[in-house]
C-alpha atoms as a PDB file:
ATOM      1  CA  MET A   1       0.000   0.000   0.000  1.00  0.00           C
ATOM      2  CA  SER A   2       1.514   3.131  -1.116  1.00  0.00           C
ATOM      3  CA  SER A   3       1.790   5.911   1.415  1.00  0.00           C
ATOM      4  CA  CYS A   4       0.583   9.278   0.455  1.00  0.00           C
ATOM      5  CA  SER A   5       1.609  12.421   2.180  1.00  0.00           C
ATOM      6  CA  LEU A   6      -0.576  15.429   2.696  1.00  0.00           C
ATOM      7  CA  THR A   7       1.027  18.704   2.122  1.00  0.00           C
ATOM      8  CA  PHE A   8      -0.275  21.678   4.126  1.00  0.00           C
ATOM      9  CA  PRO A   9       0.355  25.103   2.935  1.00  0.00           C
ATOM     10  CA  SER A  10       2.842  27.104   4.888  1.00  0.00           C
ATOM     11  CA  ARG A  11       0.228  29.751   5.754  1.00  0.00           C
ATOM     12  CA  PRO A  12      -3.175  28.985   7.215  1.00  0.00           C
ATOM     13  CA  PHE A  13      -5.998  28.744   4.786  1.00  0.00           C
ATOM     14  CA  PHE A  14      -8.124  31.402   6.363  1.00  0.00           C
ATOM     15  CA  SER A  15      -5.337  33.911   6.038  1.00  0.00           C
ATOM     16  CA  ARG A  16      -5.956  34.060   2.320  1.00  0.00           C
ATOM     17  CA  LEU A  17      -9.479  35.242   2.751  1.00  0.00           C
ATOM     18  CA  PRO A  18      -9.902  38.900   2.120  1.00  0.00           C
ATOM     19  CA  PRO A  19     -10.448  40.927   5.243  1.00  0.00           C
ATOM     20  CA  PRO A  20     -14.070  41.650   6.015  1.00  0.00           C
ATOM     21  CA  SER A  21     -15.261  44.976   4.822  1.00  0.00           C
ATOM     22  CA  PRO A  22     -16.266  47.462   7.539  1.00  0.00           C
ATOM     23  CA  PRO A  23     -19.993  47.621   8.254  1.00  0.00           C
ATOM     24  CA  LEU A  24     -21.917  50.295   6.495  1.00  0.00           C
ATOM     25  CA  PRO A  25     -23.172  53.031   8.737  1.00  0.00           C
ATOM     26  CA  ALA A  26     -26.827  52.928   9.409  1.00  0.00           C
ATOM     27  CA  PRO A  27     -28.495  55.682   7.415  1.00  0.00           C
ATOM     28  CA  THR A  28     -30.383  56.970  10.393  1.00  0.00           C
ATOM     29  CA  THR A  29     -28.683  60.314  10.943  1.00  0.00           C
ATOM     30  CA  ARG A  30     -30.366  62.114   8.103  1.00  0.00           C
ATOM     31  CA  LEU A  31     -33.655  60.357   8.758  1.00  0.00           C
ATOM     32  CA  SER A  32     -33.552  61.343  12.366  1.00  0.00           C
ATOM     33  CA  PHE A  33     -32.893  64.931  11.345  1.00  0.00           C
ATOM     34  CA  PHE A  34     -35.818  65.034   8.912  1.00  0.00           C
ATOM     35  CA  SER A  35     -38.104  63.200  11.292  1.00  0.00           C
ATOM     36  CA  SER A  36     -37.333  65.788  13.933  1.00  0.00           C
ATOM     37  CA  LEU A  37     -38.428  68.457  11.488  1.00  0.00           C
ATOM     38  CA  LEU A  38     -41.661  66.682  10.603  1.00  0.00           C
ATOM     39  CA  LEU A  39     -42.744  65.579  14.049  1.00  0.00           C
ATOM     40  CA  PRO A  40     -44.519  68.138  16.209  1.00  0.00           C
ATOM     41  CA  PRO A  41     -42.584  69.386  19.237  1.00  0.00           C
ATOM     42  CA  PRO A  42     -43.313  67.618  22.504  1.00  0.00           C
ATOM     43  CA  PRO A  43     -45.817  69.356  24.750  1.00  0.00           C
ATOM     44  CA  LEU A  44     -44.417  71.569  27.455  1.00  0.00           C
ATOM     45  CA  SER A  45     -44.374  69.973  30.860  1.00  0.00           C
ATOM     46  CA  THR A  46     -46.390  71.716  33.525  1.00  0.00           C
ATOM     47  CA  HIS A  47     -44.333  70.127  36.256  1.00  0.00           C
ATOM     48  CA  SER A  48     -41.516  72.637  35.894  1.00  0.00           C
ATOM     49  CA  SER A  49     -43.838  75.624  36.143  1.00  0.00           C
ATOM     50  CA  SER A  50     -45.565  74.277  39.212  1.00  0.00           C
ATOM     51  CA  SER A  51     -42.294  73.379  40.818  1.00  0.00           C
ATOM     52  CA  SER A  52     -40.854  76.779  39.976  1.00  0.00           C
ATOM     53  CA  SER A  53     -43.808  78.517  41.559  1.00  0.00           C
ATOM     54  CA  SER A  54     -43.324  76.572  44.752  1.00  0.00           C
ATOM     55  CA  SER A  55     -39.568  76.859  44.669  1.00  0.00           C
ATOM     56  CA  PRO A  56     -38.083  78.751  47.597  1.00  0.00           C
ATOM     57  CA  PHE A  57     -35.901  80.641  45.139  1.00  0.00           C
ATOM     58  CA  ASP A  58     -38.644  82.176  43.003  1.00  0.00           C
ATOM     59  CA  SER A  59     -38.697  85.931  42.444  1.00  0.00           C
ATOM     60  CA  SER A  60     -41.424  86.749  44.961  1.00  0.00           C
ATOM     61  CA  SER A  61     -39.694  84.839  47.751  1.00  0.00           C
ATOM     62  CA  PHE A  62     -36.366  86.410  46.881  1.00  0.00           C
ATOM     63  CA  LEU A  63     -37.835  89.926  46.889  1.00  0.00           C
ATOM     64  CA  SER A  64     -39.546  89.271  50.213  1.00  0.00           C
ATOM     65  CA  ILE A  65     -36.339  87.960  51.797  1.00  0.00           C
ATOM     66  CA  HIS A  66     -34.330  90.841  50.330  1.00  0.00           C
ATOM     67  CA  HIS A  67     -36.817  93.417  51.605  1.00  0.00           C
ATOM     68  CA  HIS A  68     -36.851  91.856  55.079  1.00  0.00           C
ATOM     69  CA  HIS A  69     -33.056  91.755  55.183  1.00  0.00           C
ATOM     70  CA  ARG A  70     -32.829  95.372  54.072  1.00  0.00           C
ATOM     71  CA  SER A  71     -35.390  96.485  56.657  1.00  0.00           C
ATOM     72  CA  SER A  72     -33.525  94.616  59.390  1.00  0.00           C
ATOM     73  CA  SER A  73     -30.251  96.198  58.291  1.00  0.00           C
ATOM     74  CA  LEU A  74     -31.783  99.669  58.332  1.00  0.00           C
ATOM     75  CA  ARG A  75     -33.213  99.127  61.807  1.00  0.00           C
ATOM     76  CA  ALA A  76     -29.870  97.819  63.053  1.00  0.00           C
ATOM     77  CA  SER A  77     -27.897 100.720  61.558  1.00  0.00           C
ATOM     78  CA  TRP A  78     -30.291 103.446  62.712  1.00  0.00           C
ATOM     79  CA  GLN A  79     -29.276 105.099  65.936  1.00  0.00           C
ATOM     80  CA  PRO A  80     -31.421 107.586  67.830  1.00  0.00           C
ATOM     81  CA  PRO A  81     -29.952 111.089  67.983  1.00  0.00           C
ATOM     82  CA  LYS A  82     -27.989 111.770  71.122  1.00  0.00           C
ATOM     83  CA  TYR A  83     -29.194 114.535  73.381  1.00  0.00           C
ATOM     84  CA  VAL A  84     -26.609 117.248  73.883  1.00  0.00           C
ATOM     85  CA  TYR A  85     -26.812 118.840  77.302  1.00  0.00           C
ATOM     86  CA  PRO A  86     -26.488 122.622  77.596  1.00  0.00           C
ATOM     87  CA  ASP A  87     -23.267 124.169  78.755  1.00  0.00           C
ATOM     88  CA  PRO A  88     -22.989 125.350  82.350  1.00  0.00           C
ATOM     89  CA  ILE A  89     -24.330 128.844  82.987  1.00  0.00           C
ATOM     90  CA  PRO A  90     -21.947 130.893  85.148  1.00  0.00           C
ATOM     91  CA  GLU A  91     -24.686 133.217  86.412  1.00  0.00           C
ATOM     92  CA  PHE A  92     -26.827 130.295  87.487  1.00  0.00           C
ATOM     93  CA  ALA A  93     -23.832 128.577  89.098  1.00  0.00           C
ATOM     94  CA  GLN A  94     -23.043 131.636  91.192  1.00  0.00           C
ATOM     95  CA  ALA A  95     -26.636 132.185  92.310  1.00  0.00           C
ATOM     96  CA  GLU A  96     -27.170 128.503  93.095  1.00  0.00           C
ATOM     97  CA  THR A  97     -23.944 128.337  95.088  1.00  0.00           C
ATOM     98  CA  GLU A  98     -25.083 131.169  97.334  1.00  0.00           C
ATOM     99  CA  LYS A  99     -28.437 129.477  97.824  1.00  0.00           C
ATOM    100  CA  PHE A 100     -26.687 126.180  98.583  1.00  0.00           C
ATOM    101  CA  ARG A 101     -24.447 127.852 101.129  1.00  0.00           C
ATOM    102  CA  GLY A 102     -27.348 129.308 103.104  1.00  0.00           C
ATOM    103  CA  GLU A 103     -29.543 126.198 102.911  1.00  0.00           C
ATOM    104  CA  LEU A 104     -26.737 123.848 103.938  1.00  0.00           C
ATOM    105  CA  ARG A 105     -25.852 125.985 106.941  1.00  0.00           C
ATOM    106  CA  LYS A 106     -29.459 125.939 108.166  1.00  0.00           C
ATOM    107  CA  ARG A 107     -29.574 122.149 107.892  1.00  0.00           C
ATOM    108  CA  LEU A 108     -26.277 121.631 109.664  1.00  0.00           C
ATOM    109  CA  LEU A 109     -27.289 123.896 112.530  1.00  0.00           C
ATOM    110  CA  LYS A 110     -30.041 121.410 113.309  1.00  0.00           C
ATOM    111  CA  SER A 111     -27.297 118.852 113.973  1.00  0.00           C
ATOM    112  CA  ARG A 112     -24.776 121.215 115.540  1.00  0.00           C
ATOM    113  CA  ASP A 113     -23.629 118.630 118.065  1.00  0.00           C
ATOM    114  CA  ALA A 114     -22.137 116.608 115.210  1.00  0.00           C
ATOM    115  CA  PHE A 115     -19.899 119.556 114.297  1.00  0.00           C
ATOM    116  CA  SER A 116     -18.486 120.248 117.711  1.00  0.00           C
ATOM    117  CA  SER A 117     -14.741 119.686 117.984  1.00  0.00           C
ATOM    118  CA  GLY A 118     -14.977 119.403 121.772  1.00  0.00           C
ATOM    119  CA  GLY A 119     -13.494 122.749 122.753  1.00  0.00           C
ATOM    120  CA  ASP A 120     -16.456 124.934 121.901  1.00  0.00           C
ATOM    121  CA  GLY A 121     -18.859 123.449 124.403  1.00  0.00           C
ATOM    122  CA  GLY A 122     -20.941 121.720 121.723  1.00  0.00           C
ATOM    123  CA  GLY A 123     -21.800 124.939 119.940  1.00  0.00           C
ATOM    124  CA  GLY A 124     -20.971 123.651 116.453  1.00  0.00           C
ATOM    125  CA  GLY A 125     -18.109 126.039 115.877  1.00  0.00           C
ATOM    126  CA  ASP A 126     -16.872 124.132 112.815  1.00  0.00           C
ATOM    127  CA  ILE A 127     -20.099 124.516 110.833  1.00  0.00           C
ATOM    128  CA  ASP A 128     -18.957 127.621 108.964  1.00  0.00           C
ATOM    129  CA  THR A 129     -15.734 125.907 107.906  1.00  0.00           C
ATOM    130  CA  VAL A 130     -17.625 122.808 106.773  1.00  0.00           C
ATOM    131  CA  VAL A 131     -20.128 124.890 104.808  1.00  0.00           C
ATOM    132  CA  HIS A 132     -17.342 126.878 103.141  1.00  0.00           C
ATOM    133  CA  ILE A 133     -15.513 123.754 101.950  1.00  0.00           C
ATOM    134  CA  CYS A 134     -18.699 122.133 100.648  1.00  0.00           C
ATOM    135  CA  ALA A 135     -19.781 125.331  98.876  1.00  0.00           C
ATOM    136  CA  GLU A 136     -16.409 125.693  97.122  1.00  0.00           C
ATOM    137  CA  ILE A 137     -16.577 122.145  95.761  1.00  0.00           C
ATOM    138  CA  PHE A 138     -20.214 122.560  94.725  1.00  0.00           C
ATOM    139  CA  SER A 139     -19.492 125.863  92.977  1.00  0.00           C
ATOM    140  CA  GLU A 140     -16.704 124.312  90.922  1.00  0.00           C
ATOM    141  CA  PHE A 141     -19.032 121.523  89.814  1.00  0.00           C
ATOM    142  CA  LEU A 142     -21.796 123.956  88.830  1.00  0.00           C
ATOM    143  CA  HIS A 143     -19.399 126.130  86.829  1.00  0.00           C
ATOM    144  CA  LYS A 144     -17.669 123.286  84.967  1.00  0.00           C
ATOM    145  CA  GLU A 145     -20.020 120.315  84.646  1.00  0.00           C
ATOM    146  CA  TYR A 146     -23.648 120.922  85.524  1.00  0.00           C
ATOM    147  CA  GLY A 147     -25.804 121.572  82.465  1.00  0.00           C
ATOM    148  CA  GLY A 148     -29.341 120.985  83.606  1.00  0.00           C
ATOM    149  CA  PRO A 149     -31.424 117.941  84.572  1.00  0.00           C
ATOM    150  CA  GLY A 150     -29.590 114.698  83.926  1.00  0.00           C
ATOM    151  CA  THR A 151     -26.127 116.087  84.689  1.00  0.00           C
ATOM    152  CA  LEU A 152     -26.215 116.148  88.488  1.00  0.00           C
ATOM    153  CA  LEU A 153     -23.474 113.767  89.607  1.00  0.00           C
ATOM    154  CA  VAL A 154     -22.583 112.210  92.940  1.00  0.00           C
ATOM    155  CA  GLU A 155     -18.846 112.887  92.581  1.00  0.00           C
ATOM    156  CA  PRO A 156     -18.823 116.414  94.058  1.00  0.00           C
ATOM    157  CA  PHE A 157     -20.523 115.169  97.212  1.00  0.00           C
ATOM    158  CA  THR A 158     -18.019 112.349  97.502  1.00  0.00           C
ATOM    159  CA  ASP A 159     -15.296 114.972  97.155  1.00  0.00           C
ATOM    160  CA  MET A 160     -16.906 116.937 100.000  1.00  0.00           C
ATOM    161  CA  LEU A 161     -16.766 113.917 102.284  1.00  0.00           C
ATOM    162  CA  LEU A 162     -13.121 113.203 101.440  1.00  0.00           C
ATOM    163  CA  ALA A 163     -12.081 116.843 101.823  1.00  0.00           C
ATOM    164  CA  LEU A 164     -13.738 117.188 105.232  1.00  0.00           C
ATOM    165  CA  LYS A 165     -12.160 113.956 106.454  1.00  0.00           C
ATOM    166  CA  GLU A 166      -8.772 115.012 105.141  1.00  0.00           C
ATOM    167  CA  LYS A 167      -8.992 118.209 107.195  1.00  0.00           C
ATOM    168  CA  LYS A 168     -10.210 116.136 110.154  1.00  0.00           C
ATOM    169  CA  LEU A 169     -13.348 118.194 110.536  1.00  0.00           C
ATOM    170  CA  PRO A 170     -16.233 116.710 112.516  1.00  0.00           C
ATOM    171  CA  GLY A 171     -19.522 115.727 110.945  1.00  0.00           C
ATOM    172  CA  ALA A 172     -18.168 114.974 107.465  1.00  0.00           C
ATOM    173  CA  PRO A 173     -20.750 112.240 106.647  1.00  0.00           C
ATOM    174  CA  VAL A 174     -23.612 114.389 107.961  1.00  0.00           C
ATOM    175  CA  ALA A 175     -22.574 117.388 105.867  1.00  0.00           C
ATOM    176  CA  ALA A 176     -22.016 115.414 102.663  1.00  0.00           C
ATOM    177  CA  ARG A 177     -25.358 113.648 103.005  1.00  0.00           C
ATOM    178  CA  ALA A 178     -27.212 116.895 103.720  1.00  0.00           C
ATOM    179  CA  ALA A 179     -25.602 118.558 100.703  1.00  0.00           C
ATOM    180  CA  LEU A 180     -26.532 115.670  98.428  1.00  0.00           C
ATOM    181  CA  LEU A 181     -30.160 115.550  99.571  1.00  0.00           C
ATOM    182  CA  TRP A 182     -30.595 119.284  99.083  1.00  0.00           C
ATOM    183  CA  ALA A 183     -29.075 119.181  95.593  1.00  0.00           C
ATOM    184  CA  GLN A 184     -31.297 116.291  94.535  1.00  0.00           C
ATOM    185  CA  ASN A 185     -34.414 118.153  95.635  1.00  0.00           C
ATOM    186  CA  TYR A 186     -33.674 121.644  94.319  1.00  0.00           C
ATOM    187  CA  VAL A 187     -30.893 122.033  91.745  1.00  0.00           C
ATOM    188  CA  ASP A 188     -32.751 120.684  88.690  1.00  0.00           C
ATOM    189  CA  LYS A 189     -35.890 122.649  89.580  1.00  0.00           C
ATOM    190  CA  ASP A 190     -33.867 125.820  90.066  1.00  0.00           C
ATOM    191  CA  TRP A 191     -32.234 125.298  86.665  1.00  0.00           C
ATOM    192  CA  GLU A 192     -35.571 124.968  84.906  1.00  0.00           C
ATOM    193  CA  THR A 193     -36.904 128.052  86.668  1.00  0.00           C
ATOM    194  CA  TRP A 194     -33.789 130.023  85.759  1.00  0.00           C
ATOM    195  CA  THR A 195     -33.772 129.067  82.090  1.00  0.00           C
ATOM    196  CA  SER A 196     -37.502 129.682  81.686  1.00  0.00           C
ATOM    197  CA  GLN A 197     -37.119 133.186  83.101  1.00  0.00           C
ATOM    198  CA  GLN A 198     -34.154 133.909  80.847  1.00  0.00           C
ATOM    199  CA  SER A 199     -36.083 132.853  77.726  1.00  0.00           C
ATOM    200  CA  LYS A 200     -38.878 135.365  78.358  1.00  0.00           C
END
């Protein structure tokens, strides 16, 4: 039996086949374009309008928030005008000092025992000195600082107490308290009476 040999080509058989041609593009681009021209446009959705009306960022809400913010800013930035007190009046200060001097002396004479230094037999010999010191301090305050109701301070009466104690005069607390009570009851009223008479 004769042997036969099969000869295979050196290159695979399928390598001789021509390469497959690329697929043709589907002719849908132009059709889609023309169909979009022929078809009616889709109806507008009402969901967007309803959602926009209820949106927290719509124009009415924004204007309301802006107006409220502006009003709050204006209220925060507005400051009431400050009241400017009148300047001290030298004529009033001089007249009120003389009145203070006489009224304080009358009040201290009612407590003359508190102003006795021990060598005058309890006659209150230091009252005139106490009144003079208190009147000098009160006069300086009226000339430099007092400008009507709202400007009466406690500092001058504290200065009276300290000055009397520094000079070791008797009755310093009694004199300072009497001076303060008189000033609280009369100085503002006397100022208003004085200014009203001057304006006539």
